[in-house]
Protein backbone atom coordinates (compact mmCIF):
# COMPACT_ATOMS: atom_id res chain seq x y z
CA MET A 1 20.72 -0.12 12.81
CA GLN A 2 23.09 0.77 9.97
CA ARG A 3 24.05 -2.02 7.58
CA GLU A 4 27.12 -3.91 8.69
CA PRO A 5 29.39 -5.49 6.06
CA ASN A 6 29.20 -8.89 7.70
CA MET A 7 25.41 -8.69 7.91
CA ASN A 8 24.92 -7.79 4.25
CA PRO A 9 23.01 -10.49 2.33
CA ASN A 10 25.28 -9.75 -0.63
CA SER A 11 28.13 -11.38 1.33
CA ASP A 12 26.28 -14.68 0.86
CA ASN A 13 26.12 -15.07 4.61
CA ASN A 14 22.53 -16.24 4.78
CA GLN A 15 23.22 -18.14 7.98
CA ARG A 16 23.89 -14.86 9.76
CA TRP A 17 20.60 -13.44 8.57
CA GLU A 18 18.78 -16.62 9.55
CA ALA A 19 20.32 -16.37 13.02
CA LYS A 20 19.25 -12.72 13.22
CA LEU A 21 15.70 -13.60 12.23
CA LYS A 22 15.60 -16.38 14.80
CA ASP A 23 16.90 -14.11 17.56
CA LEU A 24 14.39 -11.36 16.75
CA THR A 25 11.43 -13.71 16.68
CA SER A 26 12.46 -15.77 19.73
CA ASN A 27 13.26 -12.97 22.21
CA VAL A 28 10.25 -10.75 21.58
CA GLN A 29 9.57 -9.54 25.11
CA GLN A 30 13.17 -8.72 25.98
CA ILE A 31 13.78 -6.88 22.71
CA GLN A 32 10.56 -4.90 23.11
CA ASP A 33 11.33 -3.91 26.71
CA ASN A 34 14.87 -2.86 25.79
CA LEU A 35 13.54 -0.90 22.81
CA LEU A 36 11.02 1.01 24.93
CA GLU A 37 13.82 2.01 27.31
CA GLU A 38 15.95 3.10 24.34
CA ILE A 39 13.08 5.24 23.03
CA LEU A 40 11.96 6.82 26.29
CA THR A 41 15.21 7.51 28.17
CA PRO A 42 16.46 10.33 25.90
CA ASN A 43 12.93 11.79 25.69
CA LEU A 44 12.05 12.10 29.39
CA ASN A 45 12.53 15.87 29.31
CA THR A 46 10.42 16.50 26.22
CA GLU A 47 7.40 18.70 26.75
CA TYR A 48 5.01 15.92 25.78
CA LEU A 49 6.26 13.31 28.28
CA GLN A 50 6.74 15.93 31.00
CA ARG A 51 3.06 16.75 30.65
CA PHE A 52 2.28 13.22 31.83
CA HIS A 53 4.89 13.21 34.61
CA VAL A 54 7.09 10.54 33.07
CA GLU A 55 10.37 11.50 34.74
CA ARG A 56 12.19 8.15 34.71
CA PHE A 57 12.07 5.02 32.63
CA ASP A 58 9.40 2.80 34.10
CA LYS A 59 7.33 0.73 31.71
CA GLU A 60 4.31 0.52 34.02
CA LEU A 61 4.45 4.24 34.84
CA PHE A 62 4.60 5.02 31.11
CA LYS A 63 1.52 2.89 30.45
CA LYS A 64 -0.35 4.30 33.44
CA ASN A 65 0.34 7.98 32.79
CA VAL A 66 0.66 8.35 29.01
CA PRO A 67 -2.69 7.97 27.22
CA VAL A 68 -3.37 6.02 24.05
CA VAL A 69 -4.01 8.73 21.46
CA SER A 70 -5.17 9.29 17.91
CA TYR A 71 -3.36 11.40 15.35
CA GLU A 72 -5.75 14.27 16.04
CA ASP A 73 -4.69 14.25 19.71
CA ILE A 74 -0.99 14.56 18.90
CA LYS A 75 -1.43 16.82 15.84
CA PRO A 76 -1.15 20.14 17.79
CA TYR A 77 2.32 19.11 19.00
CA ILE A 78 3.39 17.98 15.53
CA ASP A 79 2.05 21.22 14.03
CA ARG A 80 4.24 23.23 16.39
CA VAL A 81 7.35 21.48 15.07
CA VAL A 82 6.05 21.82 11.49
CA ASN A 83 5.79 25.57 12.10
CA GLY A 84 9.33 25.93 13.39
CA GLU A 85 9.42 25.09 17.09
CA SER A 86 12.16 22.81 18.41
CA SER A 87 11.87 19.05 17.96
CA HIS A 88 12.15 18.92 21.76
CA VAL A 89 8.41 19.48 21.99
CA ILE A 90 8.04 15.76 21.30
CA SER A 91 11.49 14.31 20.60
CA ALA A 92 15.03 14.76 21.94
CA ARG A 93 16.30 13.19 18.72
CA PRO A 94 16.22 15.88 16.02
CA ILE A 95 13.28 15.55 13.67
CA THR A 96 14.64 15.80 10.14
CA GLY A 97 11.37 15.85 8.20
CA PHE A 98 7.78 14.68 8.04
CA LEU A 99 6.27 11.65 6.35
CA LEU A 100 2.96 12.11 4.58
CA SER A 101 0.31 9.40 4.70
CA SER A 102 -1.34 8.42 1.42
CA GLY A 103 -4.44 10.49 2.26
CA THR A 104 -6.72 8.05 0.43
CA SER A 105 -7.70 5.47 3.05
CA GLY A 106 -8.72 7.72 5.90
CA GLY A 107 -9.24 11.24 4.61
CA ALA A 108 -6.72 14.10 4.62
CA GLN A 109 -2.97 13.47 4.54
CA LYS A 110 -1.32 13.19 7.95
CA MET A 111 2.17 14.47 8.75
CA MET A 112 4.27 12.11 10.85
CA PRO A 113 7.54 13.31 12.42
CA TRP A 114 10.50 11.48 10.95
CA ASN A 115 14.21 10.91 11.42
CA ASN A 116 16.80 8.50 10.02
CA LYS A 117 15.79 5.79 12.48
CA TYR A 118 12.79 5.20 10.21
CA LEU A 119 15.11 4.52 7.27
CA ASP A 120 17.37 2.36 9.44
CA ASN A 121 14.37 0.18 10.17
CA LEU A 122 13.06 0.24 6.62
CA THR A 123 16.34 -0.82 5.02
CA PHE A 124 16.80 -3.50 7.67
CA ALA A 125 13.37 -4.87 6.76
CA TYR A 126 14.29 -4.76 3.04
CA ASP A 127 17.48 -6.73 3.69
CA LEU A 128 15.66 -9.22 5.89
CA ARG A 129 12.86 -9.81 3.40
CA MET A 130 15.45 -10.34 0.65
CA HIS A 131 16.91 -13.15 2.73
CA VAL A 132 13.44 -14.68 3.22
CA ILE A 133 12.64 -14.52 -0.52
CA THR A 134 16.02 -16.06 -1.39
CA LYS A 135 15.10 -19.07 0.78
CA HIS A 136 11.87 -19.63 -1.15
CA VAL A 137 12.62 -18.57 -4.74
CA LYS A 138 15.71 -19.82 -6.59
CA GLY A 139 17.49 -18.39 -9.61
CA LEU A 140 17.14 -14.70 -8.77
CA GLU A 141 20.77 -13.75 -8.31
CA GLN A 142 21.63 -13.09 -11.96
CA GLY A 143 18.55 -11.06 -12.85
CA LYS A 144 16.97 -7.65 -12.31
CA GLY A 145 13.75 -6.32 -10.90
CA MET A 146 11.30 -4.38 -13.06
CA MET A 147 9.85 -2.32 -10.24
CA PHE A 148 7.36 0.51 -10.73
CA LEU A 149 8.83 2.86 -8.14
CA PHE A 150 8.07 6.57 -8.04
CA THR A 151 9.14 9.74 -6.28
CA LYS A 152 6.79 12.57 -5.45
CA GLN A 153 8.00 16.14 -5.22
CA GLU A 154 8.41 17.19 -1.61
CA ALA A 155 6.93 20.20 0.15
CA ILE A 156 8.95 22.41 2.48
CA THR A 157 7.21 23.17 5.76
CA PRO A 158 7.45 26.54 7.59
CA SER A 159 10.15 24.94 9.76
CA GLY A 160 12.30 24.46 6.67
CA LEU A 161 12.02 20.69 7.01
CA PRO A 162 10.76 18.59 4.06
CA ALA A 163 7.44 16.78 4.01
CA ARG A 164 7.49 13.68 1.78
CA VAL A 165 5.79 10.35 1.33
CA ALA A 166 7.78 7.52 2.91
CA THR A 167 8.95 6.04 -0.39
CA SER A 168 10.28 9.40 -1.60
CA SER A 169 12.19 9.80 1.67
CA TYR A 170 13.91 6.49 0.97
CA PHE A 171 14.61 7.11 -2.73
CA LYS A 172 16.09 10.54 -2.01
CA SER A 173 18.32 9.25 0.79
CA ASP A 174 21.87 7.94 0.91
CA TYR A 175 20.38 4.57 1.92
CA PHE A 176 19.03 4.21 -1.63
CA LYS A 177 21.95 5.91 -3.35
CA ASN A 178 24.47 3.64 -1.60
CA ARG A 179 22.36 0.47 -1.61
CA PRO A 180 24.08 -2.92 -1.98
CA SER A 181 24.93 -4.09 -5.50
CA ASN A 182 22.98 -7.34 -5.47
CA TRP A 183 19.96 -8.72 -7.32
CA TYR A 184 17.37 -7.33 -4.90
CA TYR A 185 18.56 -3.76 -5.36
CA SER A 186 19.25 -4.07 -9.11
CA TYR A 187 16.52 -2.57 -11.28
CA THR A 188 15.90 -2.36 -15.01
CA SER A 189 15.25 1.38 -14.61
CA PRO A 190 18.06 3.83 -13.88
CA ASP A 191 17.75 5.79 -10.65
CA GLU A 192 16.91 8.90 -12.69
CA VAL A 193 13.61 7.28 -13.75
CA ILE A 194 12.66 6.48 -10.15
CA LEU A 195 13.61 10.01 -9.05
CA CYS A 196 11.64 11.71 -11.86
CA SER A 197 8.86 13.84 -10.36
CA ASN A 198 6.62 13.45 -13.43
CA ASN A 199 4.85 10.15 -12.78
CA THR A 200 3.59 9.69 -16.36
CA GLN A 201 7.06 10.15 -17.86
CA SER A 202 8.50 7.91 -15.15
CA LEU A 203 5.97 5.13 -15.83
CA TYR A 204 6.62 5.26 -19.58
CA CYS A 205 10.37 5.01 -18.99
CA HIS A 206 9.95 2.16 -16.50
CA LEU A 207 8.11 0.17 -19.18
CA LEU A 208 10.57 1.07 -21.93
CA CYS A 209 13.60 0.04 -19.87
CA GLY A 210 11.88 -3.17 -18.79
CA LEU A 211 10.99 -4.10 -22.37
CA VAL A 212 14.53 -3.48 -23.62
CA GLN A 213 15.89 -5.76 -20.87
CA ARG A 214 12.98 -8.23 -20.99
CA ASP A 215 15.15 -11.34 -20.75
CA GLU A 216 16.91 -10.08 -17.59
CA VAL A 217 13.72 -9.49 -15.59
CA VAL A 218 13.29 -12.07 -12.80
CA ARG A 219 10.75 -10.18 -10.69
CA MET A 220 8.25 -7.40 -11.21
CA GLY A 221 6.29 -5.28 -8.84
CA SER A 222 5.14 -2.09 -7.20
CA ILE A 223 4.30 -1.10 -3.65
CA PHE A 224 0.55 -1.70 -4.16
CA ALA A 225 -1.21 -3.99 -6.64
CA SER A 226 -3.32 -1.07 -7.92
CA VAL A 227 -0.15 0.55 -9.32
CA MET A 228 0.87 -2.68 -11.03
CA VAL A 229 -2.55 -2.94 -12.69
CA ARG A 230 -2.32 0.68 -13.78
CA ALA A 231 1.10 0.01 -15.33
CA ILE A 232 -0.32 -2.86 -17.41
CA LYS A 233 -3.25 -0.68 -18.56
CA PHE A 234 -0.74 2.04 -19.47
CA LEU A 235 1.18 -0.55 -21.50
CA GLU A 236 -2.05 -1.44 -23.36
CA THR A 237 -2.32 2.20 -24.43
CA TYR A 238 1.34 2.92 -25.22
CA TRP A 239 2.85 -0.36 -26.48
CA GLU A 240 2.95 0.77 -30.13
CA GLU A 241 4.84 3.96 -29.22
CA LEU A 242 7.18 1.97 -26.97
CA CYS A 243 7.91 -0.41 -29.83
CA SER A 244 8.58 2.57 -32.11
CA ASN A 245 11.13 3.90 -29.59
CA ILE A 246 12.85 0.50 -29.43
CA ARG A 247 12.83 0.16 -33.21
CA SER A 248 14.42 3.58 -33.79
CA GLY A 249 16.55 3.68 -30.66
CA CYS A 250 15.16 7.15 -29.91
CA LEU A 251 13.06 8.21 -26.94
CA SER A 252 9.75 10.01 -27.57
CA GLU A 253 10.05 13.78 -27.59
CA TRP A 254 7.36 14.24 -24.91
CA ILE A 255 9.74 12.70 -22.36
CA THR A 256 11.26 16.02 -21.34
CA ASP A 257 12.81 15.15 -17.96
CA LEU A 258 16.54 15.52 -18.59
CA GLY A 259 17.53 12.73 -16.20
CA CYS A 260 15.14 10.34 -17.92
CA ARG A 261 16.21 11.34 -21.42
CA SER A 262 19.89 10.83 -20.76
CA SER A 263 19.71 7.61 -18.72
CA VAL A 264 17.00 5.89 -20.77
CA SER A 265 18.72 6.72 -24.05
CA SER A 266 21.75 4.85 -22.71
CA VAL A 267 19.54 1.86 -21.86
CA LEU A 268 18.02 1.91 -25.37
CA GLY A 269 21.51 1.73 -26.88
CA GLY A 270 20.50 2.36 -30.48
CA PRO A 271 17.95 0.79 -32.87
CA ARG A 272 16.67 -2.72 -32.04
CA PRO A 273 14.21 -3.63 -34.81
CA ASP A 274 14.17 -7.38 -34.07
CA LEU A 275 13.29 -6.79 -30.41
CA ALA A 276 10.57 -4.31 -31.45
CA ASP A 277 9.11 -6.93 -33.83
CA THR A 278 9.03 -9.55 -31.07
CA ILE A 279 7.26 -7.25 -28.59
CA GLU A 280 4.86 -6.01 -31.28
CA THR A 281 3.86 -9.57 -32.16
CA ILE A 282 3.11 -10.38 -28.52
CA CYS A 283 1.13 -7.20 -27.85
CA ASN A 284 -0.81 -7.48 -31.11
CA GLN A 285 -2.47 -10.73 -30.06
CA THR A 286 -6.19 -10.57 -29.34
CA SER A 287 -5.90 -11.81 -25.78
CA TRP A 288 -3.72 -10.14 -23.15
CA LYS A 289 -4.11 -13.05 -20.78
CA GLY A 290 -0.66 -13.88 -19.43
CA ILE A 291 0.87 -10.82 -21.12
CA VAL A 292 3.40 -10.39 -18.30
CA THR A 293 4.89 -13.86 -18.66
CA ARG A 294 4.90 -13.57 -22.45
CA LEU A 295 6.73 -10.26 -22.46
CA TRP A 296 8.99 -11.09 -19.51
CA PRO A 297 9.36 -14.89 -19.70
CA ASN A 298 11.92 -15.26 -16.89
CA THR A 299 9.79 -13.53 -14.25
CA LYS A 300 9.50 -15.74 -11.18
CA TYR A 301 7.15 -13.71 -8.99
CA ILE A 302 5.30 -10.40 -8.60
CA GLU A 303 6.22 -8.37 -5.52
CA THR A 304 3.32 -6.14 -4.46
CA VAL A 305 0.88 -5.70 -1.61
CA VAL A 306 -2.31 -7.69 -2.27
CA THR A 307 -3.71 -7.63 1.26
CA GLY A 308 -6.58 -5.49 2.57
CA SER A 309 -8.34 -3.46 -0.10
CA MET A 310 -5.66 -4.52 -2.61
CA GLY A 311 -7.16 -8.01 -2.55
CA GLN A 312 -9.70 -7.02 -5.17
CA TYR A 313 -6.92 -6.76 -7.76
CA VAL A 314 -5.84 -10.38 -7.34
CA PRO A 315 -8.08 -11.78 -10.15
CA THR A 316 -6.83 -9.08 -12.54
CA MET A 317 -3.23 -9.74 -11.57
CA ASN A 318 -3.68 -13.48 -12.04
CA TYR A 319 -5.18 -12.85 -15.48
CA TYR A 320 -2.32 -10.68 -16.71
CA CYS A 321 0.45 -12.55 -14.88
CA ASN A 322 -0.56 -16.14 -15.65
CA ASP A 323 -0.91 -17.00 -11.95
CA LEU A 324 2.68 -16.09 -11.04
CA PRO A 325 3.15 -15.98 -7.25
CA LEU A 326 1.92 -12.66 -5.83
CA VAL A 327 4.25 -11.84 -2.96
CA SER A 328 3.27 -9.34 -0.24
CA THR A 329 6.54 -8.78 1.57
CA THR A 330 6.14 -6.05 4.18
CA TYR A 331 3.55 -4.38 6.38
CA GLY A 332 4.37 -0.75 7.07
CA SER A 333 2.93 2.72 7.41
CA SER A 334 4.05 6.32 7.85
CA GLU A 335 4.36 5.62 11.59
CA THR A 336 6.65 2.60 11.39
CA THR A 337 7.61 -0.60 9.63
CA PHE A 338 5.77 -3.41 11.44
CA GLY A 339 6.95 -6.70 10.04
CA ILE A 340 7.57 -9.03 7.13
CA ASN A 341 5.90 -12.00 5.47
CA VAL A 342 8.04 -15.04 6.34
CA ASP A 343 6.00 -17.29 4.00
CA PRO A 344 6.23 -15.24 0.79
CA LEU A 345 4.79 -17.87 -1.57
CA CYS A 346 1.55 -18.33 0.37
CA LYS A 347 -1.76 -17.49 -1.31
CA PRO A 348 -2.76 -13.81 -1.17
CA GLU A 349 -5.69 -14.57 1.13
CA ASP A 350 -3.32 -16.31 3.58
CA VAL A 351 -0.75 -13.51 3.89
CA SER A 352 0.27 -12.66 7.44
CA TYR A 353 3.13 -10.51 8.70
CA ALA A 354 5.45 -11.47 11.55
CA PHE A 355 6.01 -8.35 13.64
CA MET A 356 9.67 -7.51 14.17
CA PRO A 357 10.19 -6.38 17.80
CA ASN A 358 13.15 -4.11 16.95
CA MET A 359 11.11 -1.73 14.77
CA SER A 360 9.00 0.21 17.32
CA TYR A 361 7.34 -0.48 20.64
CA PHE A 362 4.04 -2.18 19.86
CA GLU A 363 0.89 -2.43 21.95
CA PHE A 364 -2.52 -3.66 20.90
CA ILE A 365 -6.09 -2.65 21.67
CA THR A 366 -8.39 -5.67 21.89
CA MET A 367 -11.22 -5.43 19.36
CA ASP A 368 -13.26 -8.49 20.41
CA GLY A 369 -16.09 -7.91 22.87
CA ASP A 370 -16.87 -4.63 24.61
CA LYS A 371 -13.67 -4.17 26.63
CA ARG A 372 -10.81 -2.29 25.02
CA ASP A 373 -7.82 -3.60 26.95
CA VAL A 374 -4.29 -2.73 25.81
CA VAL A 375 -1.80 -5.60 25.71
CA ASP A 376 1.85 -6.03 24.74
CA LEU A 377 3.12 -7.71 21.57
CA GLN A 378 4.00 -10.93 23.38
CA ASP A 379 0.55 -11.13 25.01
CA VAL A 380 -1.73 -11.17 21.95
CA LYS A 381 -3.86 -14.30 21.53
CA LEU A 382 -4.33 -16.56 18.52
CA GLY A 383 -7.59 -15.90 16.67
CA CYS A 384 -8.19 -12.49 18.29
CA THR A 385 -8.36 -9.11 16.56
CA TYR A 386 -6.46 -6.00 17.63
CA GLU A 387 -5.68 -2.43 16.64
CA PRO A 388 -1.91 -1.71 16.85
CA VAL A 389 -0.60 1.18 18.95
CA VAL A 390 2.87 2.55 18.18
CA THR A 391 5.60 4.25 20.19
CA ASN A 392 8.48 5.12 17.86
CA PHE A 393 11.82 6.93 17.73
CA ALA A 394 10.42 10.18 16.28
CA GLY A 395 8.09 11.47 18.98
CA LEU A 396 4.98 9.34 18.65
CA TYR A 397 3.88 7.81 21.96
CA ARG A 398 1.10 5.23 22.17
CA MET A 399 -0.53 6.36 18.94
CA ARG A 400 -3.33 4.35 17.38
CA VAL A 401 -2.67 3.29 13.81
CA GLY A 402 -6.27 2.69 12.74
CA ASP A 403 -5.81 -0.81 11.27
CA VAL A 404 -7.56 -3.94 12.52
CA LEU A 405 -5.39 -7.08 12.54
CA LEU A 406 -6.08 -10.75 13.21
CA VAL A 407 -3.53 -12.98 14.97
CA THR A 408 -3.10 -16.00 12.69
CA GLY A 409 -0.10 -17.71 14.28
CA PHE A 410 3.42 -17.29 15.60
CA TYR A 411 6.84 -17.44 13.96
CA ASN A 412 8.88 -18.69 16.91
CA ASN A 413 7.53 -16.23 19.51
CA ALA A 414 6.70 -13.38 17.14
CA PRO A 415 2.97 -12.99 16.48
CA GLN A 416 1.84 -13.09 12.88
CA PHE A 417 -0.95 -10.73 11.90
CA LYS A 418 -3.33 -10.68 8.97
CA PHE A 419 -4.56 -7.27 7.84
CA VAL A 420 -8.35 -7.22 8.20
CA ARG A 421 -9.46 -3.65 7.54
CA ARG A 422 -9.04 0.01 8.30
CA GLU A 423 -10.95 0.78 11.49
CA ASN A 424 -12.23 4.17 10.38
CA VAL A 425 -13.53 3.28 6.93
CA VAL A 426 -17.27 2.73 7.42
CA LEU A 427 -20.60 3.42 5.82
CA SER A 428 -23.32 4.39 8.24
CA ILE A 429 -26.80 5.90 7.88
CA ASP A 430 -28.54 4.97 11.11
CA SER A 431 -27.35 2.39 13.67
CA ASP A 432 -25.84 0.37 10.81
CA LYS A 433 -22.04 0.36 10.55
CA THR A 434 -20.47 -1.31 7.52
CA ASN A 435 -16.69 -1.58 7.59
CA GLU A 436 -14.27 -2.11 4.74
CA GLU A 437 -14.08 -5.87 5.19
CA ASP A 438 -17.89 -6.28 5.16
CA LEU A 439 -18.18 -4.09 2.08
CA PHE A 440 -15.44 -5.96 0.25
CA LYS A 441 -17.09 -9.33 0.97
CA ALA A 442 -20.45 -8.04 -0.24
CA VAL A 443 -19.01 -6.64 -3.47
CA SER A 444 -17.21 -9.95 -4.05
CA GLN A 445 -20.64 -11.61 -4.20
CA ALA A 446 -21.86 -9.01 -6.69
CA LYS A 447 -18.82 -9.70 -8.88
CA LEU A 448 -20.14 -13.22 -9.43
CA VAL A 449 -23.37 -11.76 -10.83
CA LEU A 450 -21.41 -9.46 -13.13
CA ASP A 451 -19.20 -12.33 -14.30
CA SER A 452 -22.26 -14.33 -15.32
CA SER A 453 -23.51 -11.27 -17.24
CA GLY A 454 -20.32 -10.93 -19.28
CA LEU A 455 -18.93 -8.02 -17.28
CA ILE A 456 -15.77 -7.54 -15.22
CA LEU A 457 -15.64 -5.26 -12.20
CA VAL A 458 -12.70 -2.88 -12.69
CA ASP A 459 -12.94 -1.00 -9.38
CA PHE A 460 -15.39 0.47 -6.89
CA THR A 461 -15.84 2.98 -4.12
CA SER A 462 -18.77 4.08 -1.98
CA TYR A 463 -20.35 6.75 0.19
CA ALA A 464 -23.35 7.15 2.48
CA ASP A 465 -25.82 9.47 0.74
CA THR A 466 -27.84 11.35 3.36
CA SER A 467 -29.14 14.01 0.96
CA THR A 468 -32.38 12.00 0.66
CA PHE A 469 -34.58 10.52 3.36
CA PRO A 470 -34.02 7.84 4.27
CA GLY A 471 -30.33 7.92 3.44
CA HIS A 472 -28.84 5.04 1.49
CA TYR A 473 -25.57 3.39 0.47
CA VAL A 474 -24.16 4.35 -2.93
CA LEU A 475 -21.56 2.28 -4.77
CA TYR A 476 -19.70 3.78 -7.72
CA VAL A 477 -18.56 0.93 -9.97
CA GLU A 478 -16.56 0.77 -13.18
CA VAL A 479 -17.11 -2.28 -15.39
CA LYS A 480 -15.88 -3.50 -18.73
CA ALA A 481 -17.00 -6.23 -21.11
CA ILE A 482 -15.30 -9.59 -21.03
CA GLU A 483 -12.64 -10.15 -23.64
CA GLY A 484 -13.82 -10.35 -27.21
CA ASN A 485 -16.95 -8.29 -26.56
CA LYS A 486 -16.22 -4.59 -27.01
CA TYR A 487 -19.89 -3.57 -26.69
CA LEU A 488 -20.75 -2.66 -23.10
CA GLU A 489 -24.37 -3.46 -22.33
CA LEU A 490 -25.65 -2.40 -18.90
CA ASN A 491 -28.37 -4.90 -18.12
CA GLU A 492 -30.83 -3.43 -15.59
CA GLU A 493 -31.82 -6.82 -14.24
CA ALA A 494 -28.19 -7.81 -13.60
CA PHE A 495 -27.34 -4.57 -11.79
CA SER A 496 -30.51 -4.63 -9.71
CA LYS A 497 -29.60 -8.17 -8.73
CA CYS A 498 -26.11 -6.94 -7.78
CA CYS A 499 -27.71 -4.37 -5.47
CA SER A 500 -29.83 -7.05 -3.84
CA VAL A 501 -26.91 -9.48 -3.49
CA ILE A 502 -24.83 -6.81 -1.78
CA GLU A 503 -27.66 -6.02 0.66
CA ASP A 504 -28.15 -9.73 1.38
CA SER A 505 -24.44 -9.98 2.22
CA LEU A 506 -24.43 -7.15 4.77
CA ASP A 507 -24.98 -7.73 8.49
CA ASN A 508 -28.24 -8.08 10.42
CA VAL A 509 -28.16 -4.53 11.76
CA TYR A 510 -28.13 -3.18 8.19
CA LYS A 511 -30.95 -5.53 7.22
CA ARG A 512 -33.04 -4.46 10.22
CA CYS A 513 -32.55 -0.78 9.39
CA ARG A 514 -33.24 -1.39 5.71
CA PHE A 515 -36.15 -3.82 5.73
CA LYS A 516 -37.78 -3.52 9.16
CA ASP A 517 -37.21 -0.01 10.47
CA GLY A 518 -37.07 1.69 7.08
CA SER A 519 -34.29 3.97 8.35
CA VAL A 520 -31.99 3.03 5.43
CA GLY A 521 -33.09 3.31 1.81
CA ALA A 522 -32.48 0.99 -1.12
CA LEU A 523 -28.83 0.46 -2.02
CA GLU A 524 -27.82 2.17 -5.26
CA ILE A 525 -25.15 1.30 -7.83
CA ARG A 526 -23.94 4.16 -10.01
CA VAL A 527 -21.97 2.94 -13.03
CA VAL A 528 -19.20 5.31 -14.11
CA LEU A 529 -17.35 5.84 -17.37
CA GLN A 530 -14.50 3.52 -18.25
CA GLY A 531 -11.22 5.02 -17.06
CA THR A 532 -12.90 6.86 -14.17
CA PHE A 533 -10.84 5.17 -11.46
CA ASP A 534 -7.58 5.94 -13.28
CA SER A 535 -8.74 9.55 -13.39
CA LEU A 536 -9.68 9.37 -9.70
CA MET A 537 -6.10 8.33 -8.95
CA ASP A 538 -4.88 11.31 -11.00
CA PHE A 539 -7.23 13.56 -9.01
CA PHE A 540 -5.84 12.39 -5.67
CA ILE A 541 -2.28 12.77 -6.99
CA THR A 542 -3.04 16.42 -7.81
CA GLN A 543 -4.32 16.75 -4.22
CA GLY A 544 -0.99 15.53 -2.82
CA ALA A 545 -1.23 11.72 -2.89
CA SER A 546 1.69 9.65 -4.24
CA ILE A 547 1.19 7.27 -7.15
CA GLY A 548 3.45 4.78 -5.37
CA GLN A 549 1.32 4.78 -2.20
CA TYR A 550 -2.11 5.27 -3.79
CA LYS A 551 -4.98 3.06 -2.71
CA THR A 552 -8.48 3.49 -4.11
CA PRO A 553 -10.55 4.87 -1.21
CA ARG A 554 -13.31 2.41 -0.40
CA CYS A 555 -15.38 5.21 1.08
CA ILE A 556 -15.31 8.68 -0.47
CA LYS A 557 -14.81 11.42 2.12
CA SER A 558 -13.58 14.24 -0.08
CA GLY A 559 -16.31 16.54 -1.37
CA LYS A 560 -14.29 17.33 -4.50
CA ALA A 561 -13.71 13.63 -5.19
CA LEU A 562 -17.45 13.03 -4.79
CA GLU A 563 -18.21 15.77 -7.32
CA PHE A 564 -15.69 14.20 -9.69
CA MET A 565 -17.34 10.77 -9.41
CA GLU A 566 -20.81 12.24 -9.95
CA ASP A 567 -19.67 13.83 -13.20
CA CYS A 568 -18.65 10.37 -14.47
CA VAL A 569 -21.94 8.54 -13.72
CA VAL A 570 -23.59 6.99 -16.81
CA ALA A 571 -26.28 4.79 -15.22
CA ARG A 572 -28.04 4.24 -11.88
CA PHE A 573 -29.59 1.08 -10.48
CA PHE A 574 -31.37 0.29 -7.19
CA SER A 575 -32.13 -2.84 -5.23
CA THR A 576 -35.74 -3.93 -5.40
């Protein structure tokens, strides 16, 4: 699926892209069936498919013989390729590397086999979503994007093949190097800043380049909203130094990456005292409400994922960005790109993604009721929830993804899915099972209590503490005082009420265990030092996570991360 000159959005041939989108979303079943044949036919002699006696292409035979699996089921085969065996164990197409999952939503990082077909699909989705955004947002063509994009240093596996996060695989590829020269692929930061392996130096340079070109910025963003919020907090800390660099025309000495120093110095272009004065005046104001639109006045939207656990950052984003549209463009993972948001200006809570049938072969496990049937993409039902199952071009066959999605509608014949939660993120002490969605809703109620007490919830995570009897839910929360009040007072009554509100918001099974059976103890909130969740991100980055893909884990599974959080606790409160 290489880019074709006559299909490039830069050729101003939007009608061709609209026709392509219509074809993809109208002929879902045929495209999916053809894709499955294209995937399976070359792979019939692989060890994995031979094990299940799949000796010819037959869709029903494939579904009957090849089981739906988890990553742990397929991991021994992947590990063999990681350790130097031929790709033919799982894939006739040569595996050229491995994609690392973020490692923050479901535990340890996973290694997914990868080849250029992944990047074919990814860049196709980028081009397609550019077309969709162009339909909805005008005046973008002459500007640049201030995008907080990062590259993480790769590891080399025993096979000699690289293991990288998906974004790094793209940024280090010819697809990125030779990207089209149009507004969507034009950034305020030079490529050297994106490719810098030191994330702190990279972030500083992203901000500096964006400030110097503040009038050219028409969109801002990052992969996840948490990274965007971190960038703004970083700006709060470093704006005076950034202004000093702009005033003198010289980059700070602690930026030691040679690529950054050379390229960013060119962007600075000498002393700019008037620009430094303007930025200094804006940043010196007491309130940082709307700081993004004041510093970058031509910004038309923010492009970042605000679905799932990222939804908690929406109020913070709205505060800093003056209610600019928050656009979630794409749903993807280390296994595959799934689809795009064809209604980019919808509210964050209404975001759904239309699955593109040319990405991978998609099946879905029904999550409603007790039966776990597996259905095809074209057979999902409106209002029902499913877990996606992926068969891709790199040796994954019928692998569960671990997300739970809700069918919200159809774009032509392509189902549109809303991300609901990660299936495997739960708190459980007894027969209670609290998933990510339930926890997020409960904490949203507690936020209202904090708001009325003059406090803002910065971030949270949780774990099930079974070191005591009965075990109980623990929430680690970071709060800060509302603007204008620097003194942080932790009111015991307010936090105890938060505990009770959260418990009242959980399901009946939890309430039975907690209040009737006594098998679950009182919920506890542990308040942590300000800056703890930024430091938690740094911790996970040192453990192999990528800043660009980082998501705050809603349930702590790492023993080391738990120790880290415990060291930051400053107060404890229980429900009454």
